[in-house]
């Protein structure tokens, strides 16, 4: 573990806890945890090590929130299975593309997509309040696999807001309520995190000590976040979703401005 002051370590642990809570409710915890690592770790730390350490912490929280949801929210595992399998494939494809294509070209696209999603959800207050499957039979599962493939590829290639993209596509395309969508998205996000950990771990790009310490805080945040979402319902999750989408939009807009200057 790098030589960190007690204050820096405490700040990273707090960031991991908050990120775990946010991620469990609606996704997007990386908006908090990754910047905290970028600020808190020495400037000489390689980017791959920061990303790998971030994934260790995120995996701990996602695993806990996934289990909490699975025990308390009835999930359609026939839907979860194609979503998870396609997510794993998509993540691998996205990671491969990341070596070939410039990421700068994708940030503006994601930014406009987020703005559109935020406006769409904001103007439809009843969206995602109840789960009503929109498509019958094979079409439902085909669309589920497509969501997994697309969002998984995005996570492997770029990453910010992966959980939120899972949630909103499950709500808009499949007709899930926000609570059930968030529970289902956690399972898929768990798989994409695990895939990334394998890659970073084999490359030696993980600070295991710091990652596990932050993981414990993320785990607690994830557990409390999942319980809060379950007790407060889809209306609460929708509100948190809009807040996270707004924060992610501002962050990506800043990135675009930096690229242009």
C-alpha atoms as a PDB file:
ATOM      1  CA  UNK A   1       0.000   0.000   0.000  1.00  0.00           C
ATOM      2  CA  UNK A   2       1.340   3.491  -0.810  1.00  0.00           C
ATOM      3  CA  UNK A   3       2.497   5.839   1.909  1.00  0.00           C
ATOM      4  CA  UNK A   4      -0.664   7.840   2.698  1.00  0.00           C
ATOM      5  CA  UNK A   5      -1.375  10.268   5.512  1.00  0.00           C
ATOM      6  CA  UNK A   6      -4.087   9.336   7.996  1.00  0.00           C
ATOM      7  CA  UNK A   7      -6.267  12.143   6.609  1.00  0.00           C
ATOM      8  CA  UNK A   8      -5.892  10.943   3.009  1.00  0.00           C
ATOM      9  CA  UNK A   9      -6.684   7.364   3.999  1.00  0.00           C
ATOM     10  CA  UNK A  10      -9.737   8.486   5.980  1.00  0.00           C
ATOM     11  CA  UNK A  11     -10.965  10.555   3.020  1.00  0.00           C
ATOM     12  CA  UNK A  12     -10.600   7.563   0.674  1.00  0.00           C
ATOM     13  CA  UNK A  13     -12.494   5.312   3.091  1.00  0.00           C
ATOM     14  CA  UNK A  14     -15.311   7.870   3.388  1.00  0.00           C
ATOM     15  CA  UNK A  15     -15.467   8.252  -0.403  1.00  0.00           C
ATOM     16  CA  UNK A  16     -15.684   4.466  -0.771  1.00  0.00           C
ATOM     17  CA  UNK A  17     -18.571   4.301   1.713  1.00  0.00           C
ATOM     18  CA  UNK A  18     -20.569   7.046  -0.037  1.00  0.00           C
ATOM     19  CA  UNK A  19     -19.808   5.530  -3.438  1.00  0.00           C
ATOM     20  CA  UNK A  20     -21.056   2.146  -2.243  1.00  0.00           C
ATOM     21  CA  UNK A  21     -24.323   3.689  -1.041  1.00  0.00           C
ATOM     22  CA  UNK A  22     -24.929   5.594  -4.290  1.00  0.00           C
ATOM     23  CA  UNK A  23     -23.951   2.638  -6.444  1.00  0.00           C
ATOM     24  CA  UNK A  24     -26.317   0.308  -4.600  1.00  0.00           C
ATOM     25  CA  UNK A  25     -29.279   2.639  -5.043  1.00  0.00           C
ATOM     26  CA  UNK A  26     -28.935   3.499  -8.705  1.00  0.00           C
ATOM     27  CA  UNK A  27     -25.347   3.076  -9.954  1.00  0.00           C
ATOM     28  CA  UNK A  28     -22.763   5.765 -10.604  1.00  0.00           C
ATOM     29  CA  UNK A  29     -20.662   5.344  -7.459  1.00  0.00           C
ATOM     30  CA  UNK A  30     -17.558   5.591  -9.611  1.00  0.00           C
ATOM     31  CA  UNK A  31     -18.269   9.316  -9.920  1.00  0.00           C
ATOM     32  CA  UNK A  32     -17.232   9.605  -6.279  1.00  0.00           C
ATOM     33  CA  UNK A  33     -14.661   6.895  -5.706  1.00  0.00           C
ATOM     34  CA  UNK A  34     -12.492   7.165  -8.826  1.00  0.00           C
ATOM     35  CA  UNK A  35     -11.881  10.945  -8.532  1.00  0.00           C
ATOM     36  CA  UNK A  36     -11.092  10.415  -4.837  1.00  0.00           C
ATOM     37  CA  UNK A  37      -8.404   7.887  -5.767  1.00  0.00           C
ATOM     38  CA  UNK A  38      -7.019  10.210  -8.433  1.00  0.00           C
ATOM     39  CA  UNK A  39      -6.676  12.989  -5.831  1.00  0.00           C
ATOM     40  CA  UNK A  40      -5.662  10.876  -2.837  1.00  0.00           C
ATOM     41  CA  UNK A  41      -2.967   8.665  -4.370  1.00  0.00           C
ATOM     42  CA  UNK A  42       0.515   9.976  -5.266  1.00  0.00           C
ATOM     43  CA  UNK A  43       0.700  11.600  -8.701  1.00  0.00           C
ATOM     44  CA  UNK A  44       3.224   8.951  -9.746  1.00  0.00           C
ATOM     45  CA  UNK A  45       0.621   6.181  -9.426  1.00  0.00           C
ATOM     46  CA  UNK A  46       0.000   4.597 -12.867  1.00  0.00           C
ATOM     47  CA  UNK A  47      -3.576   5.041 -14.187  1.00  0.00           C
ATOM     48  CA  UNK A  48      -4.012   1.276 -14.544  1.00  0.00           C
ATOM     49  CA  UNK A  49      -3.231   0.822 -10.832  1.00  0.00           C
ATOM     50  CA  UNK A  50      -5.819   3.453  -9.891  1.00  0.00           C
ATOM     51  CA  UNK A  51      -8.441   1.767 -12.070  1.00  0.00           C
ATOM     52  CA  UNK A  52      -7.589  -1.698 -10.760  1.00  0.00           C
ATOM     53  CA  UNK A  53      -7.746  -0.596  -7.120  1.00  0.00           C
ATOM     54  CA  UNK A  54     -11.051   1.158  -7.797  1.00  0.00           C
ATOM     55  CA  UNK A  55     -12.497  -2.068  -9.220  1.00  0.00           C
ATOM     56  CA  UNK A  56     -11.532  -4.077  -6.120  1.00  0.00           C
ATOM     57  CA  UNK A  57     -13.399  -1.666  -3.866  1.00  0.00           C
ATOM     58  CA  UNK A  58     -16.388  -1.438  -6.218  1.00  0.00           C
ATOM     59  CA  UNK A  59     -16.641  -5.222  -6.491  1.00  0.00           C
ATOM     60  CA  UNK A  60     -16.955  -5.577  -2.705  1.00  0.00           C
ATOM     61  CA  UNK A  61     -19.848  -3.125  -2.521  1.00  0.00           C
ATOM     62  CA  UNK A  62     -21.562  -4.468  -5.629  1.00  0.00           C
ATOM     63  CA  UNK A  63     -21.362  -8.051  -4.350  1.00  0.00           C
ATOM     64  CA  UNK A  64     -22.987  -7.043  -1.062  1.00  0.00           C
ATOM     65  CA  UNK A  65     -25.751  -4.951  -2.612  1.00  0.00           C
ATOM     66  CA  UNK A  66     -26.416  -7.693  -5.196  1.00  0.00           C
ATOM     67  CA  UNK A  67     -26.883 -10.267  -2.433  1.00  0.00           C
ATOM     68  CA  UNK A  68     -29.076  -7.900  -0.407  1.00  0.00           C
ATOM     69  CA  UNK A  69     -31.322  -7.249  -3.409  1.00  0.00           C
ATOM     70  CA  UNK A  70     -31.445 -10.931  -4.366  1.00  0.00           C
ATOM     71  CA  UNK A  71     -32.611 -11.908  -0.875  1.00  0.00           C
ATOM     72  CA  UNK A  72     -35.282  -9.208  -0.632  1.00  0.00           C
ATOM     73  CA  UNK A  73     -36.466  -8.486  -4.193  1.00  0.00           C
ATOM     74  CA  UNK A  74     -37.951 -11.275  -6.366  1.00  0.00           C
ATOM     75  CA  UNK A  75     -35.762 -11.319  -9.479  1.00  0.00           C
ATOM     76  CA  UNK A  76     -36.537 -12.932 -12.830  1.00  0.00           C
ATOM     77  CA  UNK A  77     -33.418 -15.053 -13.187  1.00  0.00           C
ATOM     78  CA  UNK A  78     -34.406 -16.007 -16.745  1.00  0.00           C
ATOM     79  CA  UNK A  79     -33.877 -12.323 -17.528  1.00  0.00           C
ATOM     80  CA  UNK A  80     -30.781 -11.930 -15.355  1.00  0.00           C
ATOM     81  CA  UNK A  81     -28.957 -14.820 -17.093  1.00  0.00           C
ATOM     82  CA  UNK A  82     -28.866 -13.441 -20.669  1.00  0.00           C
ATOM     83  CA  UNK A  83     -28.157  -9.966 -19.278  1.00  0.00           C
ATOM     84  CA  UNK A  84     -25.130 -11.217 -17.338  1.00  0.00           C
ATOM     85  CA  UNK A  85     -23.737 -13.411 -20.115  1.00  0.00           C
ATOM     86  CA  UNK A  86     -24.074 -10.672 -22.729  1.00  0.00           C
ATOM     87  CA  UNK A  87     -22.555  -8.129 -20.315  1.00  0.00           C
ATOM     88  CA  UNK A  88     -19.461 -10.287 -19.884  1.00  0.00           C
ATOM     89  CA  UNK A  89     -19.066 -10.635 -23.645  1.00  0.00           C
ATOM     90  CA  UNK A  90     -19.679  -6.933 -24.212  1.00  0.00           C
ATOM     91  CA  UNK A  91     -17.160  -5.956 -21.549  1.00  0.00           C
ATOM     92  CA  UNK A  92     -14.480  -8.087 -23.212  1.00  0.00           C
ATOM     93  CA  UNK A  93     -15.279  -6.559 -26.613  1.00  0.00           C
ATOM     94  CA  UNK A  94     -15.219  -3.045 -25.175  1.00  0.00           C
ATOM     95  CA  UNK A  95     -11.866  -3.622 -23.488  1.00  0.00           C
ATOM     96  CA  UNK A  96     -10.460  -4.808 -26.819  1.00  0.00           C
ATOM     97  CA  UNK A  97     -11.835  -1.775 -28.665  1.00  0.00           C
ATOM     98  CA  UNK A  98     -10.326   0.513 -26.054  1.00  0.00           C
ATOM     99  CA  UNK A  99      -6.909  -0.366 -27.445  1.00  0.00           C
ATOM    100  CA  UNK A 100      -7.885   0.599 -30.983  1.00  0.00           C
ATOM    101  CA  UNK A 101     -10.147   3.643 -30.823  1.00  0.00           C
ATOM    102  CA  UNK A 102      -9.680   7.109 -29.275  1.00  0.00           C
ATOM    103  CA  UNK A 103     -11.833   7.485 -26.172  1.00  0.00           C
ATOM    104  CA  UNK A 104     -12.122  11.247 -26.732  1.00  0.00           C
ATOM    105  CA  UNK A 105     -14.599  10.598 -29.538  1.00  0.00           C
ATOM    106  CA  UNK A 106     -17.006   8.831 -27.214  1.00  0.00           C
ATOM    107  CA  UNK A 107     -17.240  11.362 -24.387  1.00  0.00           C
ATOM    108  CA  UNK A 108     -19.445  13.842 -26.336  1.00  0.00           C
ATOM    109  CA  UNK A 109     -21.718  10.984 -27.478  1.00  0.00           C
ATOM    110  CA  UNK A 110     -22.176   9.753 -23.902  1.00  0.00           C
ATOM    111  CA  UNK A 111     -22.763  13.339 -22.737  1.00  0.00           C
ATOM    112  CA  UNK A 112     -25.623  13.913 -25.193  1.00  0.00           C
ATOM    113  CA  UNK A 113     -27.065  10.492 -24.357  1.00  0.00           C
ATOM    114  CA  UNK A 114     -27.117  11.372 -20.658  1.00  0.00           C
ATOM    115  CA  UNK A 115     -28.783  14.727 -21.292  1.00  0.00           C
ATOM    116  CA  UNK A 116     -31.459  12.993 -23.343  1.00  0.00           C
ATOM    117  CA  UNK A 117     -31.999  10.302 -20.706  1.00  0.00           C
ATOM    118  CA  UNK A 118     -32.223  12.865 -17.894  1.00  0.00           C
ATOM    119  CA  UNK A 119     -34.808  14.965 -19.733  1.00  0.00           C
ATOM    120  CA  UNK A 120     -36.790  11.852 -20.697  1.00  0.00           C
ATOM    121  CA  UNK A 121     -37.020  10.580 -17.111  1.00  0.00           C
ATOM    122  CA  UNK A 122     -37.674  14.030 -15.628  1.00  0.00           C
ATOM    123  CA  UNK A 123     -40.609  14.679 -17.980  1.00  0.00           C
ATOM    124  CA  UNK A 124     -42.203  11.300 -17.163  1.00  0.00           C
ATOM    125  CA  UNK A 125     -42.739  11.180 -13.391  1.00  0.00           C
ATOM    126  CA  UNK A 126     -44.628   7.874 -13.604  1.00  0.00           C
ATOM    127  CA  UNK A 127     -41.876   6.130 -15.567  1.00  0.00           C
ATOM    128  CA  UNK A 128     -40.507   3.143 -13.669  1.00  0.00           C
ATOM    129  CA  UNK A 129     -42.935   3.378 -10.753  1.00  0.00           C
ATOM    130  CA  UNK A 130     -44.227  -0.156 -11.441  1.00  0.00           C
ATOM    131  CA  UNK A 131     -42.842  -3.136 -13.339  1.00  0.00           C
ATOM    132  CA  UNK A 132     -44.824  -3.974 -16.465  1.00  0.00           C
ATOM    133  CA  UNK A 133     -43.071  -6.200 -18.991  1.00  0.00           C
ATOM    134  CA  UNK A 134     -43.346  -4.562 -22.421  1.00  0.00           C
ATOM    135  CA  UNK A 135     -42.323  -7.461 -24.666  1.00  0.00           C
ATOM    136  CA  UNK A 136     -43.408 -11.116 -24.667  1.00  0.00           C
ATOM    137  CA  UNK A 137     -41.294 -14.247 -24.905  1.00  0.00           C
ATOM    138  CA  UNK A 138     -38.131 -14.349 -26.957  1.00  0.00           C
ATOM    139  CA  UNK A 139     -38.237 -10.655 -27.819  1.00  0.00           C
ATOM    140  CA  UNK A 140     -37.909  -9.803 -24.113  1.00  0.00           C
ATOM    141  CA  UNK A 141     -34.833 -11.989 -23.690  1.00  0.00           C
ATOM    142  CA  UNK A 142     -33.305 -10.834 -26.970  1.00  0.00           C
ATOM    143  CA  UNK A 143     -33.612  -7.199 -25.893  1.00  0.00           C
ATOM    144  CA  UNK A 144     -32.204  -8.116 -22.477  1.00  0.00           C
ATOM    145  CA  UNK A 145     -29.127  -9.649 -24.097  1.00  0.00           C
ATOM    146  CA  UNK A 146     -28.761  -6.589 -26.331  1.00  0.00           C
ATOM    147  CA  UNK A 147     -28.781  -4.299 -23.297  1.00  0.00           C
ATOM    148  CA  UNK A 148     -26.114  -6.445 -21.648  1.00  0.00           C
ATOM    149  CA  UNK A 149     -23.949  -6.446 -24.770  1.00  0.00           C
ATOM    150  CA  UNK A 150     -24.161  -2.682 -25.347  1.00  0.00           C
ATOM    151  CA  UNK A 151     -23.714  -1.542 -21.738  1.00  0.00           C
ATOM    152  CA  UNK A 152     -21.080  -4.199 -21.062  1.00  0.00           C
ATOM    153  CA  UNK A 153     -19.089  -2.960 -24.067  1.00  0.00           C
ATOM    154  CA  UNK A 154     -19.433   0.608 -22.802  1.00  0.00           C
ATOM    155  CA  UNK A 155     -18.146  -0.453 -19.373  1.00  0.00           C
ATOM    156  CA  UNK A 156     -15.139  -2.206 -20.896  1.00  0.00           C
ATOM    157  CA  UNK A 157     -14.394   0.739 -23.156  1.00  0.00           C
ATOM    158  CA  UNK A 158     -15.164   3.807 -21.045  1.00  0.00           C
ATOM    159  CA  UNK A 159     -17.082   3.092 -17.838  1.00  0.00           C
ATOM    160  CA  UNK A 160     -18.622   6.148 -16.089  1.00  0.00           C
ATOM    161  CA  UNK A 161     -22.270   5.610 -15.190  1.00  0.00           C
ATOM    162  CA  UNK A 162     -22.454   1.943 -16.256  1.00  0.00           C
ATOM    163  CA  UNK A 163     -24.911   1.051 -13.496  1.00  0.00           C
ATOM    164  CA  UNK A 164     -27.134   4.004 -14.383  1.00  0.00           C
ATOM    165  CA  UNK A 165     -27.209   2.988 -18.060  1.00  0.00           C
ATOM    166  CA  UNK A 166     -28.205  -0.546 -17.065  1.00  0.00           C
ATOM    167  CA  UNK A 167     -31.019   0.841 -14.903  1.00  0.00           C
ATOM    168  CA  UNK A 168     -32.496   3.265 -17.424  1.00  0.00           C
ATOM    169  CA  UNK A 169     -32.450   0.775 -20.314  1.00  0.00           C
ATOM    170  CA  UNK A 170     -34.134  -1.881 -18.180  1.00  0.00           C
ATOM    171  CA  UNK A 171     -36.808   0.685 -17.295  1.00  0.00           C
ATOM    172  CA  UNK A 172     -37.374   2.192 -20.758  1.00  0.00           C
ATOM    173  CA  UNK A 173     -36.836  -0.849 -22.988  1.00  0.00           C
ATOM    174  CA  UNK A 174     -38.128  -3.704 -20.822  1.00  0.00           C
ATOM    175  CA  UNK A 175     -40.650  -1.856 -18.651  1.00  0.00           C
ATOM    176  CA  UNK A 176     -39.094  -2.584 -15.250  1.00  0.00           C
ATOM    177  CA  UNK A 177     -39.723  -0.406 -12.208  1.00  0.00           C
ATOM    178  CA  UNK A 178     -36.704   1.514 -10.946  1.00  0.00           C
ATOM    179  CA  UNK A 179     -36.302  -0.696  -7.867  1.00  0.00           C
ATOM    180  CA  UNK A 180     -36.355  -4.005  -9.772  1.00  0.00           C
ATOM    181  CA  UNK A 181     -34.153  -2.512 -12.500  1.00  0.00           C
ATOM    182  CA  UNK A 182     -31.581  -1.409  -9.939  1.00  0.00           C
ATOM    183  CA  UNK A 183     -31.573  -4.869  -8.338  1.00  0.00           C
ATOM    184  CA  UNK A 184     -31.128  -6.561 -11.731  1.00  0.00           C
ATOM    185  CA  UNK A 185     -28.455  -4.094 -12.835  1.00  0.00           C
ATOM    186  CA  UNK A 186     -26.360  -4.876  -9.756  1.00  0.00           C
ATOM    187  CA  UNK A 187     -25.965  -8.510 -10.825  1.00  0.00           C
ATOM    188  CA  UNK A 188     -24.759  -7.500 -14.298  1.00  0.00           C
ATOM    189  CA  UNK A 189     -22.427  -4.823 -12.924  1.00  0.00           C
ATOM    190  CA  UNK A 190     -20.945  -7.382 -10.539  1.00  0.00           C
ATOM    191  CA  UNK A 191     -19.893  -9.496 -13.520  1.00  0.00           C
ATOM    192  CA  UNK A 192     -18.319  -6.580 -15.414  1.00  0.00           C
ATOM    193  CA  UNK A 193     -16.370  -5.603 -12.272  1.00  0.00           C
ATOM    194  CA  UNK A 194     -15.112  -9.161 -11.781  1.00  0.00           C
ATOM    195  CA  UNK A 195     -13.984  -9.347 -15.403  1.00  0.00           C
ATOM    196  CA  UNK A 196     -11.993  -6.132 -14.984  1.00  0.00           C
ATOM    197  CA  UNK A 197     -10.408  -7.356 -11.727  1.00  0.00           C
ATOM    198  CA  UNK A 198      -9.103 -10.463 -13.472  1.00  0.00           C
ATOM    199  CA  UNK A 199      -7.486  -8.324 -16.188  1.00  0.00           C
ATOM    200  CA  UNK A 200      -5.967  -5.779 -13.793  1.00  0.00           C
ATOM    201  CA  UNK A 201      -4.925  -8.440 -11.274  1.00  0.00           C
ATOM    202  CA  UNK A 202      -3.042 -10.532 -13.831  1.00  0.00           C
ATOM    203  CA  UNK A 203      -1.265  -7.365 -14.970  1.00  0.00           C
ATOM    204  CA  UNK A 204      -0.228  -6.535 -11.384  1.00  0.00           C
ATOM    205  CA  UNK A 205      -2.179  -3.277 -11.501  1.00  0.00           C
ATOM    206  CA  UNK A 206      -3.915  -3.456  -8.102  1.00  0.00           C
ATOM    207  CA  UNK A 207      -3.046  -2.008  -4.682  1.00  0.00           C
ATOM    208  CA  UNK A 208      -4.600  -4.913  -2.817  1.00  0.00           C
ATOM    209  CA  UNK A 209      -4.228  -3.541   0.704  1.00  0.00           C
ATOM    210  CA  UNK A 210      -5.834  -0.174  -0.054  1.00  0.00           C
ATOM    211  CA  UNK A 211      -8.411  -1.785  -2.340  1.00  0.00           C
ATOM    212  CA  UNK A 212      -9.586  -4.190   0.368  1.00  0.00           C
ATOM    213  CA  UNK A 213      -9.702  -1.464   3.050  1.00  0.00           C
ATOM    214  CA  UNK A 214     -11.811   0.734   0.766  1.00  0.00           C
ATOM    215  CA  UNK A 215     -13.751  -2.378  -0.229  1.00  0.00           C
ATOM    216  CA  UNK A 216     -14.853  -2.894   3.372  1.00  0.00           C
ATOM    217  CA  UNK A 217     -16.237   0.670   3.454  1.00  0.00           C
ATOM    218  CA  UNK A 218     -17.829   0.233   0.022  1.00  0.00           C
ATOM    219  CA  UNK A 219     -19.359  -3.030   1.233  1.00  0.00           C
ATOM    220  CA  UNK A 220     -21.016  -1.305   4.193  1.00  0.00           C
ATOM    221  CA  UNK A 221     -22.243   1.535   1.988  1.00  0.00           C
ATOM    222  CA  UNK A 222     -23.598  -0.949  -0.556  1.00  0.00           C
ATOM    223  CA  UNK A 223     -25.479  -2.889   2.100  1.00  0.00           C
ATOM    224  CA  UNK A 224     -27.066   0.236   3.595  1.00  0.00           C
ATOM    225  CA  UNK A 225     -27.821   1.675   0.142  1.00  0.00           C
ATOM    226  CA  UNK A 226     -29.627  -1.472  -0.991  1.00  0.00           C
ATOM    227  CA  UNK A 227     -31.688  -1.578   2.205  1.00  0.00           C
ATOM    228  CA  UNK A 228     -32.566   2.110   1.808  1.00  0.00           C
ATOM    229  CA  UNK A 229     -33.677   1.601  -1.803  1.00  0.00           C
ATOM    230  CA  UNK A 230     -35.782  -1.421  -0.875  1.00  0.00           C
ATOM    231  CA  UNK A 231     -37.497   0.376   2.000  1.00  0.00           C
ATOM    232  CA  UNK A 232     -38.078   3.648   0.098  1.00  0.00           C
ATOM    233  CA  UNK A 233     -39.162   2.123  -3.236  1.00  0.00           C
ATOM    234  CA  UNK A 234     -39.002   3.142  -6.904  1.00  0.00           C
ATOM    235  CA  UNK A 235     -39.923   6.801  -6.322  1.00  0.00           C
ATOM    236  CA  UNK A 236     -36.845   7.299  -4.144  1.00  0.00           C
ATOM    237  CA  UNK A 237     -34.604   5.442  -6.604  1.00  0.00           C
ATOM    238  CA  UNK A 238     -35.906   7.642  -9.440  1.00  0.00           C
ATOM    239  CA  UNK A 239     -34.952  10.811  -7.537  1.00  0.00           C
ATOM    240  CA  UNK A 240     -31.447   9.532  -6.791  1.00  0.00           C
ATOM    241  CA  UNK A 241     -31.144   8.454 -10.434  1.00  0.00           C
ATOM    242  CA  UNK A 242     -31.845  12.007 -11.651  1.00  0.00           C
ATOM    243  CA  UNK A 243     -29.283  13.421  -9.209  1.00  0.00           C
ATOM    244  CA  UNK A 244     -26.611  10.960 -10.362  1.00  0.00           C
ATOM    245  CA  UNK A 245     -27.387  11.583 -14.053  1.00  0.00           C
ATOM    246  CA  UNK A 246     -27.056  15.339 -13.471  1.00  0.00           C
ATOM    247  CA  UNK A 247     -23.707  14.894 -11.707  1.00  0.00           C
ATOM    248  CA  UNK A 248     -22.403  12.606 -14.440  1.00  0.00           C
ATOM    249  CA  UNK A 249     -23.545  15.053 -17.138  1.00  0.00           C
ATOM    250  CA  UNK A 250     -21.692  17.923 -15.454  1.00  0.00           C
ATOM    251  CA  UNK A 251     -18.561  15.796 -15.097  1.00  0.00           C
ATOM    252  CA  UNK A 252     -18.540  14.709 -18.750  1.00  0.00           C
ATOM    253  CA  UNK A 253     -19.334  18.241 -19.928  1.00  0.00           C
ATOM    254  CA  UNK A 254     -16.268  19.417 -18.018  1.00  0.00           C
ATOM    255  CA  UNK A 255     -14.186  16.684 -19.683  1.00  0.00           C
ATOM    256  CA  UNK A 256     -15.380  17.851 -23.124  1.00  0.00           C
ATOM    257  CA  UNK A 257     -14.483  21.480 -22.350  1.00  0.00           C
ATOM    258  CA  UNK A 258     -11.016  20.386 -21.156  1.00  0.00           C
ATOM    259  CA  UNK A 259     -10.487  18.413 -24.373  1.00  0.00           C
ATOM    260  CA  UNK A 260     -11.411  21.421 -26.482  1.00  0.00           C
ATOM    261  CA  UNK A 261      -9.121  23.863 -24.646  1.00  0.00           C
END
